[in-house]
PDB file of N, CA and C in Angstrom:
ATOM      1  N   UNK A   1     106.298 107.960  86.304  1.00  0.00           N
ATOM      2  CA  UNK A   1     107.497 108.063  86.501  1.00  0.00           C
ATOM      3  C   UNK A   1     107.911 109.295  87.882  1.00  0.00           C
ATOM      4  N   UNK A   2     106.978 109.988  87.735  1.00  0.00           N
ATOM      5  CA  UNK A   2     106.857 111.353  88.435  1.00  0.00           C
ATOM      6  C   UNK A   2     106.674 110.899  89.963  1.00  0.00           C
ATOM      7  N   UNK A   3     105.682 109.556  90.592  1.00  0.00           N
ATOM      8  CA  UNK A   3     105.360 109.620  91.836  1.00  0.00           C
ATOM      9  C   UNK A   3     107.233 108.759  92.133  1.00  0.00           C
ATOM     10  N   UNK A   4     107.842 107.984  91.300  1.00  0.00           N
ATOM     11  CA  UNK A   4     109.430 106.984  91.529  1.00  0.00           C
ATOM     12  C   UNK A   4     110.226 108.262  91.820  1.00  0.00           C
ATOM     13  N   UNK A   5     110.396 109.546  90.974  1.00  0.00           N
ATOM     14  CA  UNK A   5     110.372 111.342  91.406  1.00  0.00           C
ATOM     15  C   UNK A   5     110.331 111.444  92.539  1.00  0.00           C
ATOM     16  N   UNK A   6     109.319 111.363  93.076  1.00  0.00           N
ATOM     17  CA  UNK A   6     108.946 111.832  94.364  1.00  0.00           C
ATOM     18  C   UNK A   6     109.468 111.030  95.314  1.00  0.00           C
ATOM     19  N   UNK A   7     109.522 109.835  95.353  1.00  0.00           N
ATOM     20  CA  UNK A   7     109.830 108.915  96.170  1.00  0.00           C
ATOM     21  C   UNK A   7     111.221 109.210  96.718  1.00  0.00           C
ATOM     22  N   UNK A   8     111.824 109.166  95.314  1.00  0.00           N
ATOM     23  CA  UNK A   8     113.256 109.310  95.383  1.00  0.00           C
ATOM     24  C   UNK A   8     113.485 110.511  96.320  1.00  0.00           C
ATOM     25  N   UNK A   9     113.352 111.465  95.647  1.00  0.00           N
ATOM     26  CA  UNK A   9     113.502 112.990  97.014  1.00  0.00           C
ATOM     27  C   UNK A   9     113.284 112.793  97.982  1.00  0.00           C
ATOM     28  N   UNK A  10     111.788 112.279  98.330  1.00  0.00           N
ATOM     29  CA  UNK A  10     111.588 112.148  99.909  1.00  0.00           C
ATOM     30  C   UNK A  10     112.511 111.591 100.736  1.00  0.00           C
ATOM     31  N   UNK A  11     112.988 110.172  99.615  1.00  0.00           N
ATOM     32  CA  UNK A  11     114.141 109.493 100.656  1.00  0.00           C
ATOM     33  C   UNK A  11     115.706 110.003 100.937  1.00  0.00           C
ATOM     34  N   UNK A  12     116.129 110.983  99.634  1.00  0.00           N
ATOM     35  CA  UNK A  12     117.169 111.939  99.678  1.00  0.00           C
ATOM     36  C   UNK A  12     117.028 112.609 100.757  1.00  0.00           C
ATOM     37  N   UNK A  13     115.600 113.337 100.795  1.00  0.00           N
ATOM     38  CA  UNK A  13     115.968 114.814 102.179  1.00  0.00           C
ATOM     39  C   UNK A  13     115.594 114.027 103.297  1.00  0.00           C
ATOM     40  N   UNK A  14     115.144 112.636 103.600  1.00  0.00           N
ATOM     41  CA  UNK A  14     115.788 111.567 105.113  1.00  0.00           C
ATOM     42  C   UNK A  14     116.590 111.372 104.829  1.00  0.00           C
ATOM     43  N   UNK A  15     117.371 111.295 104.543  1.00  0.00           N
ATOM     44  CA  UNK A  15     118.693 111.291 104.314  1.00  0.00           C
ATOM     45  C   UNK A  15     119.709 112.258 104.766  1.00  0.00           C
ATOM     46  N   UNK A  16     119.249 113.596 104.118  1.00  0.00           N
ATOM     47  CA  UNK A  16     119.712 114.965 104.334  1.00  0.00           C
ATOM     48  C   UNK A  16     119.540 115.077 105.887  1.00  0.00           C
ATOM     49  N   UNK A  17     118.385 114.325 106.128  1.00  0.00           N
ATOM     50  CA  UNK A  17     117.776 115.209 107.642  1.00  0.00           C
ATOM     51  C   UNK A  17     118.247 114.184 108.624  1.00  0.00           C
ATOM     52  N   UNK A  18     118.852 113.006 108.491  1.00  0.00           N
ATOM     53  CA  UNK A  18     119.198 112.136 109.468  1.00  0.00           C
ATOM     54  C   UNK A  18     120.916 112.657 109.637  1.00  0.00           C
ATOM     55  N   UNK A  19     122.087 112.742 108.169  1.00  0.00           N
ATOM     56  CA  UNK A  19     122.671 113.531 108.564  1.00  0.00           C
ATOM     57  C   UNK A  19     122.924 114.787 109.046  1.00  0.00           C
ATOM     58  N   UNK A  20     122.047 115.975 109.440  1.00  0.00           N
ATOM     59  CA  UNK A  20     121.942 117.096 109.741  1.00  0.00           C
ATOM     60  C   UNK A  20     122.317 116.697 111.970  1.00  0.00           C
ATOM     61  N   UNK A  21     120.994 115.781 111.878  1.00  0.00           N
ATOM     62  CA  UNK A  21     120.809 115.562 112.990  1.00  0.00           C
ATOM     63  C   UNK A  21     121.849 114.306 113.723  1.00  0.00           C
ATOM     64  N   UNK A  22     122.325 114.025 113.039  1.00  0.00           N
ATOM     65  CA  UNK A  22     123.524 113.172 113.190  1.00  0.00           C
ATOM     66  C   UNK A  22     122.532 111.350 113.731  1.00  0.00           C
ATOM     67  N   UNK A  23     121.974 111.243 113.123  1.00  0.00           N
ATOM     68  CA  UNK A  23     120.871 110.210 113.684  1.00  0.00           C
ATOM     69  C   UNK A  23     120.963 108.794 111.986  1.00  0.00           C
ATOM     70  N   UNK A  24     121.634 107.871 112.696  1.00  0.00           N
ATOM     71  CA  UNK A  24     121.061 106.662 111.930  1.00  0.00           C
ATOM     72  C   UNK A  24     120.179 105.750 112.036  1.00  0.00           C
ATOM     73  N   UNK A  25     119.404 105.930 110.822  1.00  0.00           N
ATOM     74  CA  UNK A  25     118.740 104.596 110.778  1.00  0.00           C
ATOM     75  C   UNK A  25     118.158 103.793 109.398  1.00  0.00           C
ATOM     76  N   UNK A  26     117.457 102.911 110.167  1.00  0.00           N
ATOM     77  CA  UNK A  26     117.956 101.635 109.149  1.00  0.00           C
ATOM     78  C   UNK A  26     116.809 101.856 107.842  1.00  0.00           C
ATOM     79  N   UNK A  27     116.774 100.803 106.879  1.00  0.00           N
ATOM     80  CA  UNK A  27     116.284 101.069 105.536  1.00  0.00           C
ATOM     81  C   UNK A  27     114.747 101.118 105.789  1.00  0.00           C
ATOM     82  N   UNK A  28     114.422 100.292 106.780  1.00  0.00           N
ATOM     83  CA  UNK A  28     112.680 100.233 107.328  1.00  0.00           C
ATOM     84  C   UNK A  28     112.353 101.026 107.996  1.00  0.00           C
ATOM     85  N   UNK A  29     113.492 102.137 109.119  1.00  0.00           N
ATOM     86  CA  UNK A  29     112.506 102.970 109.690  1.00  0.00           C
ATOM     87  C   UNK A  29     112.642 104.431 108.188  1.00  0.00           C
ATOM     88  N   UNK A  30     113.400 104.471 107.264  1.00  0.00           N
ATOM     89  CA  UNK A  30     113.540 105.458 106.236  1.00  0.00           C
ATOM     90  C   UNK A  30     112.181 105.208 105.630  1.00  0.00           C
ATOM     91  N   UNK A  31     111.807 104.062 105.047  1.00  0.00           N
ATOM     92  CA  UNK A  31     110.004 103.337 104.683  1.00  0.00           C
ATOM     93  C   UNK A  31     109.708 104.093 105.028  1.00  0.00           C
ATOM     94  N   UNK A  32     109.232 103.402 106.499  1.00  0.00           N
ATOM     95  CA  UNK A  32     108.382 103.660 107.466  1.00  0.00           C
ATOM     96  C   UNK A  32     107.782 105.421 107.120  1.00  0.00           C
ATOM     97  N   UNK A  33     108.748 106.196 107.456  1.00  0.00           N
ATOM     98  CA  UNK A  33     108.953 107.676 107.048  1.00  0.00           C
ATOM     99  C   UNK A  33     108.809 108.014 106.578  1.00  0.00           C
ATOM    100  N   UNK A  34     109.240 107.921 105.255  1.00  0.00           N
ATOM    101  CA  UNK A  34     108.432 108.149 103.767  1.00  0.00           C
ATOM    102  C   UNK A  34     107.118 107.717 103.280  1.00  0.00           C
ATOM    103  N   UNK A  35     107.142 106.554 103.986  1.00  0.00           N
ATOM    104  CA  UNK A  35     105.028 106.377 103.811  1.00  0.00           C
ATOM    105  C   UNK A  35     104.526 107.045 104.660  1.00  0.00           C
ATOM    106  N   UNK A  36     104.976 107.870 105.862  1.00  0.00           N
ATOM    107  CA  UNK A  36     104.222 108.739 106.841  1.00  0.00           C
ATOM    108  C   UNK A  36     104.316 109.972 106.277  1.00  0.00           C
ATOM    109  N   UNK A  37     105.281 110.238 105.672  1.00  0.00           N
ATOM    110  CA  UNK A  37     105.064 111.532 104.689  1.00  0.00           C
ATOM    111  C   UNK A  37     104.337 111.919 103.902  1.00  0.00           C
ATOM    112  N   UNK A  38     104.130 111.034 103.170  1.00  0.00           N
ATOM    113  CA  UNK A  38     103.167 111.232 102.286  1.00  0.00           C
ATOM    114  C   UNK A  38     101.808 111.916 102.322  1.00  0.00           C
ATOM    115  N   UNK A  39     101.491 112.935 101.444  1.00  0.00           N
ATOM    116  CA  UNK A  39     100.436 113.506 101.581  1.00  0.00           C
ATOM    117  C   UNK A  39      98.912 112.907 102.096  1.00  0.00           C
ATOM    118  N   UNK A  40      98.775 111.629 101.265  1.00  0.00           N
ATOM    119  CA  UNK A  40      98.079 111.276 101.340  1.00  0.00           C
ATOM    120  C   UNK A  40      97.128 110.762 102.620  1.00  0.00           C
ATOM    121  N   UNK A  41      98.814 110.185 103.539  1.00  0.00           N
ATOM    122  CA  UNK A  41      98.582 109.718 104.855  1.00  0.00           C
ATOM    123  C   UNK A  41      99.034 110.556 105.560  1.00  0.00           C
ATOM    124  N   UNK A  42      99.604 111.834 105.473  1.00  0.00           N
ATOM    125  CA  UNK A  42      99.490 112.818 106.792  1.00  0.00           C
ATOM    126  C   UNK A  42      98.147 113.063 106.468  1.00  0.00           C
ATOM    127  N   UNK A  43      97.104 113.265 105.242  1.00  0.00           N
ATOM    128  CA  UNK A  43      95.379 113.695 105.225  1.00  0.00           C
ATOM    129  C   UNK A  43      95.321 112.703 106.585  1.00  0.00           C
ATOM    130  N   UNK A  44      95.247 111.676 106.416  1.00  0.00           N
ATOM    131  CA  UNK A  44      94.290 111.080 107.336  1.00  0.00           C
ATOM    132  C   UNK A  44      94.755 111.045 108.739  1.00  0.00           C
ATOM    133  N   UNK A  45      96.145 111.360 109.017  1.00  0.00           N
ATOM    134  CA  UNK A  45      96.872 111.154 110.487  1.00  0.00           C
ATOM    135  C   UNK A  45      96.104 112.174 111.532  1.00  0.00           C
ATOM    136  N   UNK A  46      95.366 112.268 112.193  1.00  0.00           N
ATOM    137  CA  UNK A  46      94.944 113.063 113.224  1.00  0.00           C
ATOM    138  C   UNK A  46      95.601 113.717 113.697  1.00  0.00           C
ATOM    139  N   UNK A  47      97.126 113.127 114.284  1.00  0.00           N
ATOM    140  CA  UNK A  47      98.179 113.856 114.524  1.00  0.00           C
ATOM    141  C   UNK A  47      98.826 115.047 113.367  1.00  0.00           C
ATOM    142  N   UNK A  48      98.416 115.394 112.485  1.00  0.00           N
ATOM    143  CA  UNK A  48      98.702 116.196 111.237  1.00  0.00           C
ATOM    144  C   UNK A  48      97.898 116.622 110.466  1.00  0.00           C
ATOM    145  N   UNK A  49      96.830 116.529 110.332  1.00  0.00           N
ATOM    146  CA  UNK A  49      95.297 117.356 109.753  1.00  0.00           C
ATOM    147  C   UNK A  49      94.779 118.047 110.410  1.00  0.00           C
ATOM    148  N   UNK A  50      95.289 118.085 111.951  1.00  0.00           N
ATOM    149  CA  UNK A  50      94.504 119.487 112.495  1.00  0.00           C
ATOM    150  C   UNK A  50      92.755 119.123 113.303  1.00  0.00           C
ATOM    151  N   UNK A  51      92.255 118.050 112.530  1.00  0.00           N
ATOM    152  CA  UNK A  51      90.936 117.444 112.773  1.00  0.00           C
ATOM    153  C   UNK A  51      90.837 117.075 114.195  1.00  0.00           C
ATOM    154  N   UNK A  52      91.632 116.836 115.312  1.00  0.00           N
ATOM    155  CA  UNK A  52      91.110 116.990 116.648  1.00  0.00           C
ATOM    156  C   UNK A  52      90.812 118.735 116.958  1.00  0.00           C
ATOM    157  N   UNK A  53      91.546 119.578 116.365  1.00  0.00           N
ATOM    158  CA  UNK A  53      91.910 121.163 117.030  1.00  0.00           C
ATOM    159  C   UNK A  53      90.355 121.572 116.702  1.00  0.00           C
ATOM    160  N   UNK A  54      89.582 122.371 117.889  1.00  0.00           N
ATOM    161  CA  UNK A  54      88.119 122.701 117.862  1.00  0.00           C
ATOM    162  C   UNK A  54      88.442 124.340 117.056  1.00  0.00           C
ATOM    163  N   UNK A  55      89.599 124.275 116.862  1.00  0.00           N
ATOM    164  CA  UNK A  55      89.445 126.373 116.409  1.00  0.00           C
ATOM    165  C   UNK A  55      88.871 126.045 114.773  1.00  0.00           C
ATOM    166  N   UNK A  56      89.540 124.993 113.947  1.00  0.00           N
ATOM    167  CA  UNK A  56      89.297 124.250 112.479  1.00  0.00           C
ATOM    168  C   UNK A  56      88.052 123.783 112.685  1.00  0.00           C
ATOM    169  N   UNK A  57      87.470 124.755 111.812  1.00  0.00           N
ATOM    170  CA  UNK A  57      86.338 123.863 111.048  1.00  0.00           C
ATOM    171  C   UNK A  57      85.984 123.667 109.779  1.00  0.00           C
ATOM    172  N   UNK A  58      86.097 122.151 109.685  1.00  0.00           N
ATOM    173  CA  UNK A  58      86.209 121.757 108.741  1.00  0.00           C
ATOM    174  C   UNK A  58      84.966 122.103 107.661  1.00  0.00           C
ATOM    175  N   UNK A  59      83.934 122.290 108.302  1.00  0.00           N
ATOM    176  CA  UNK A  59      83.115 122.467 107.136  1.00  0.00           C
ATOM    177  C   UNK A  59      82.789 123.528 106.528  1.00  0.00           C
ATOM    178  N   UNK A  60      83.923 124.007 106.757  1.00  0.00           N
ATOM    179  CA  UNK A  60      83.574 125.509 105.691  1.00  0.00           C
ATOM    180  C   UNK A  60      85.179 124.634 105.165  1.00  0.00           C
ATOM    181  N   UNK A  61      86.415 124.532 104.888  1.00  0.00           N
ATOM    182  CA  UNK A  61      87.502 123.776 104.295  1.00  0.00           C
ATOM    183  C   UNK A  61      88.407 123.222 105.355  1.00  0.00           C
ATOM    184  N   UNK A  62      88.422 122.078 105.108  1.00  0.00           N
ATOM    185  CA  UNK A  62      89.897 121.345 105.658  1.00  0.00           C
ATOM    186  C   UNK A  62      91.200 121.602 105.241  1.00  0.00           C
ATOM    187  N   UNK A  63      92.120 121.343 106.661  1.00  0.00           N
ATOM    188  CA  UNK A  63      93.381 122.066 106.891  1.00  0.00           C
ATOM    189  C   UNK A  63      94.161 121.729 105.733  1.00  0.00           C
ATOM    190  N   UNK A  64      94.116 120.485 105.231  1.00  0.00           N
ATOM    191  CA  UNK A  64      94.971 120.153 103.963  1.00  0.00           C
ATOM    192  C   UNK A  64      93.763 119.160 102.976  1.00  0.00           C
ATOM    193  N   UNK A  65      93.736 120.640 101.933  1.00  0.00           N
ATOM    194  CA  UNK A  65      93.045 120.553 100.719  1.00  0.00           C
ATOM    195  C   UNK A  65      93.538 119.183  99.719  1.00  0.00           C
ATOM    196  N   UNK A  66      94.332 119.311  98.940  1.00  0.00           N
ATOM    197  CA  UNK A  66      94.520 118.400  97.787  1.00  0.00           C
ATOM    198  C   UNK A  66      96.161 117.596  97.897  1.00  0.00           C
ATOM    199  N   UNK A  67      97.347 118.853  97.960  1.00  0.00           N
ATOM    200  CA  UNK A  67      98.774 118.137  98.125  1.00  0.00           C
ATOM    201  C   UNK A  67      99.391 118.900  97.192  1.00  0.00           C
ATOM    202  N   UNK A  68      98.582 119.933  96.315  1.00  0.00           N
ATOM    203  CA  UNK A  68      99.355 120.564  94.992  1.00  0.00           C
ATOM    204  C   UNK A  68     100.194 121.525  94.875  1.00  0.00           C
ATOM    205  N   UNK A  69     101.120 121.910  94.422  1.00  0.00           N
ATOM    206  CA  UNK A  69     101.629 122.455  94.168  1.00  0.00           C
ATOM    207  C   UNK A  69     101.133 123.878  93.293  1.00  0.00           C
ATOM    208  N   UNK A  70     100.350 124.951  93.834  1.00  0.00           N
ATOM    209  CA  UNK A  70     100.248 125.750  92.821  1.00  0.00           C
ATOM    210  C   UNK A  70      98.514 125.919  92.838  1.00  0.00           C
ATOM    211  N   UNK A  71      98.166 124.727  94.036  1.00  0.00           N
ATOM    212  CA  UNK A  71      96.703 125.063  94.047  1.00  0.00           C
ATOM    213  C   UNK A  71      95.985 126.340  94.440  1.00  0.00           C
ATOM    214  N   UNK A  72      97.159 127.031  95.091  1.00  0.00           N
ATOM    215  CA  UNK A  72      96.196 127.850  95.474  1.00  0.00           C
ATOM    216  C   UNK A  72      95.645 129.230  95.060  1.00  0.00           C
ATOM    217  N   UNK A  73      96.346 128.919  93.456  1.00  0.00           N
ATOM    218  CA  UNK A  73      95.423 129.906  92.701  1.00  0.00           C
ATOM    219  C   UNK A  73      93.958 129.531  92.182  1.00  0.00           C
ATOM    220  N   UNK A  74      93.287 128.442  92.736  1.00  0.00           N
ATOM    221  CA  UNK A  74      92.259 127.932  92.661  1.00  0.00           C
ATOM    222  C   UNK A  74      90.871 128.985  93.504  1.00  0.00           C
ATOM    223  N   UNK A  75      92.544 129.204  94.932  1.00  0.00           N
ATOM    224  CA  UNK A  75      91.631 129.906  96.227  1.00  0.00           C
ATOM    225  C   UNK A  75      91.736 130.998  96.250  1.00  0.00           C
ATOM    226  N   UNK A  76      92.950 132.081  95.726  1.00  0.00           N
ATOM    227  CA  UNK A  76      93.601 133.144  96.141  1.00  0.00           C
ATOM    228  C   UNK A  76      93.662 133.866  94.611  1.00  0.00           C
ATOM    229  N   UNK A  77      93.107 135.543  94.983  1.00  0.00           N
ATOM    230  CA  UNK A  77      92.815 136.293  93.643  1.00  0.00           C
ATOM    231  C   UNK A  77      93.928 136.383  93.639  1.00  0.00           C
ATOM    232  N   UNK A  78      94.351 137.153  92.333  1.00  0.00           N
ATOM    233  CA  UNK A  78      95.425 138.178  92.431  1.00  0.00           C
ATOM    234  C   UNK A  78      95.831 139.219  93.262  1.00  0.00           C
ATOM    235  N   UNK A  79      94.565 139.945  93.768  1.00  0.00           N
ATOM    236  CA  UNK A  79      94.857 140.975  94.755  1.00  0.00           C
ATOM    237  C   UNK A  79      95.355 140.064  96.256  1.00  0.00           C
ATOM    238  N   UNK A  80      94.958 139.241  96.466  1.00  0.00           N
ATOM    239  CA  UNK A  80      95.023 138.442  97.605  1.00  0.00           C
ATOM    240  C   UNK A  80      96.716 137.791  97.675  1.00  0.00           C
ATOM    241  N   UNK A  81      97.097 137.548  96.964  1.00  0.00           N
ATOM    242  CA  UNK A  81      98.462 136.770  96.201  1.00  0.00           C
ATOM    243  C   UNK A  81      99.349 137.824  96.446  1.00  0.00           C
ATOM    244  N   UNK A  82      98.674 139.062  96.043  1.00  0.00           N
ATOM    245  CA  UNK A  82     100.401 140.509  96.153  1.00  0.00           C
ATOM    246  C   UNK A  82      99.640 140.671  97.376  1.00  0.00           C
ATOM    247  N   UNK A  83      98.607 140.637  98.016  1.00  0.00           N
ATOM    248  CA  UNK A  83      98.992 141.440  99.793  1.00  0.00           C
ATOM    249  C   UNK A  83      99.356 140.122 100.180  1.00  0.00           C
ATOM    250  N   UNK A  84      99.100 138.925 100.156  1.00  0.00           N
ATOM    251  CA  UNK A  84      99.674 138.361 100.810  1.00  0.00           C
ATOM    252  C   UNK A  84     101.476 138.065 100.805  1.00  0.00           C
ATOM    253  N   UNK A  85     102.491 138.270 100.090  1.00  0.00           N
ATOM    254  CA  UNK A  85     103.403 138.257  99.162  1.00  0.00           C
ATOM    255  C   UNK A  85     104.106 139.561 100.297  1.00  0.00           C
ATOM    256  N   UNK A  86     103.243 141.049 100.114  1.00  0.00           N
ATOM    257  CA  UNK A  86     103.784 142.009 101.308  1.00  0.00           C
ATOM    258  C   UNK A  86     104.065 141.602 102.261  1.00  0.00           C
ATOM    259  N   UNK A  87     102.857 140.851 103.096  1.00  0.00           N
ATOM    260  CA  UNK A  87     102.826 141.125 104.212  1.00  0.00           C
ATOM    261  C   UNK A  87     103.546 139.816 104.369  1.00  0.00           C
ATOM    262  N   UNK A  88     104.163 139.028 103.734  1.00  0.00           N
ATOM    263  CA  UNK A  88     105.476 138.242 104.311  1.00  0.00           C
ATOM    264  C   UNK A  88     106.571 138.968 104.040  1.00  0.00           C
ATOM    265  N   UNK A  89     106.907 139.634 103.397  1.00  0.00           N
ATOM    266  CA  UNK A  89     108.160 140.503 103.045  1.00  0.00           C
ATOM    267  C   UNK A  89     108.326 141.048 104.337  1.00  0.00           C
ATOM    268  N   UNK A  90     107.321 141.967 104.772  1.00  0.00           N
ATOM    269  CA  UNK A  90     107.372 142.320 105.995  1.00  0.00           C
ATOM    270  C   UNK A  90     107.534 141.505 107.284  1.00  0.00           C
ATOM    271  N   UNK A  91     107.045 140.684 107.539  1.00  0.00           N
ATOM    272  CA  UNK A  91     107.643 139.660 108.566  1.00  0.00           C
ATOM    273  C   UNK A  91     108.446 138.767 108.898  1.00  0.00           C
ATOM    274  N   UNK A  92     109.162 138.339 107.555  1.00  0.00           N
ATOM    275  CA  UNK A  92     109.791 137.597 107.496  1.00  0.00           C
ATOM    276  C   UNK A  92     111.188 138.419 106.881  1.00  0.00           C
ATOM    277  N   UNK A  93     112.063 139.145 107.667  1.00  0.00           N
ATOM    278  CA  UNK A  93     112.764 139.637 107.154  1.00  0.00           C
ATOM    279  C   UNK A  93     114.127 138.711 107.112  1.00  0.00           C
ATOM    280  N   UNK A  94     114.781 138.538 105.979  1.00  0.00           N
ATOM    281  CA  UNK A  94     116.065 138.301 105.115  1.00  0.00           C
ATOM    282  C   UNK A  94     115.864 136.400 105.053  1.00  0.00           C
ATOM    283  N   UNK A  95     114.686 136.117 105.108  1.00  0.00           N
ATOM    284  CA  UNK A  95     114.026 134.402 105.411  1.00  0.00           C
ATOM    285  C   UNK A  95     115.359 133.679 104.643  1.00  0.00           C
ATOM    286  N   UNK A  96     114.952 132.508 104.705  1.00  0.00           N
ATOM    287  CA  UNK A  96     116.297 131.477 104.136  1.00  0.00           C
ATOM    288  C   UNK A  96     115.137 130.523 103.553  1.00  0.00           C
ATOM    289  N   UNK A  97     114.381 130.098 104.051  1.00  0.00           N
ATOM    290  CA  UNK A  97     113.341 129.133 103.683  1.00  0.00           C
ATOM    291  C   UNK A  97     112.946 130.413 102.179  1.00  0.00           C
ATOM    292  N   UNK A  98     112.958 129.352 100.902  1.00  0.00           N
ATOM    293  CA  UNK A  98     112.255 129.402  99.986  1.00  0.00           C
ATOM    294  C   UNK A  98     110.888 128.357  99.273  1.00  0.00           C
ATOM    295  N   UNK A  99     109.996 128.767  98.720  1.00  0.00           N
ATOM    296  CA  UNK A  99     108.649 128.090  99.024  1.00  0.00           C
ATOM    297  C   UNK A  99     108.576 128.083  97.318  1.00  0.00           C
ATOM    298  N   UNK A 100     107.760 127.032  97.246  1.00  0.00           N
ATOM    299  CA  UNK A 100     107.527 126.511  95.699  1.00  0.00           C
ATOM    300  C   UNK A 100     105.950 126.846  95.204  1.00  0.00           C
ATOM    301  N   UNK A 101     106.333 127.865  94.498  1.00  0.00           N
ATOM    302  CA  UNK A 101     104.532 127.996  94.151  1.00  0.00           C
ATOM    303  C   UNK A 101     103.961 127.252  93.177  1.00  0.00           C
ATOM    304  N   UNK A 102     105.141 126.975  92.522  1.00  0.00           N
ATOM    305  CA  UNK A 102     104.731 126.157  90.989  1.00  0.00           C
ATOM    306  C   UNK A 102     105.627 125.273  90.574  1.00  0.00           C
ATOM    307  N   UNK A 103     105.502 123.894  90.138  1.00  0.00           N
ATOM    308  CA  UNK A 103     106.598 123.388  89.614  1.00  0.00           C
ATOM    309  C   UNK A 103     107.054 123.126  88.155  1.00  0.00           C
TER     310      UNK A 103
END
């Protein structure tokens, strides 16, 4: 059930984006886009996973790990999380983007 909800949400967001951009795509094109933006597919896509970027050292950590909301808690300490939040507030004045850190 959860996966079906995610696909439905993805298709809804694709429709909103197409509407915003004034684009009209066929159902097949929307299915292709929906498949292309699934985390596991992006993780394998060299154009999305930074595997061709020489600056990234994937021996230390891959750019894309699990694709799970909240996984940051397994990598950041409470102090690091607080430091990030403070830095974000300083650099992002009046942000309109809202990130989900938990579901």
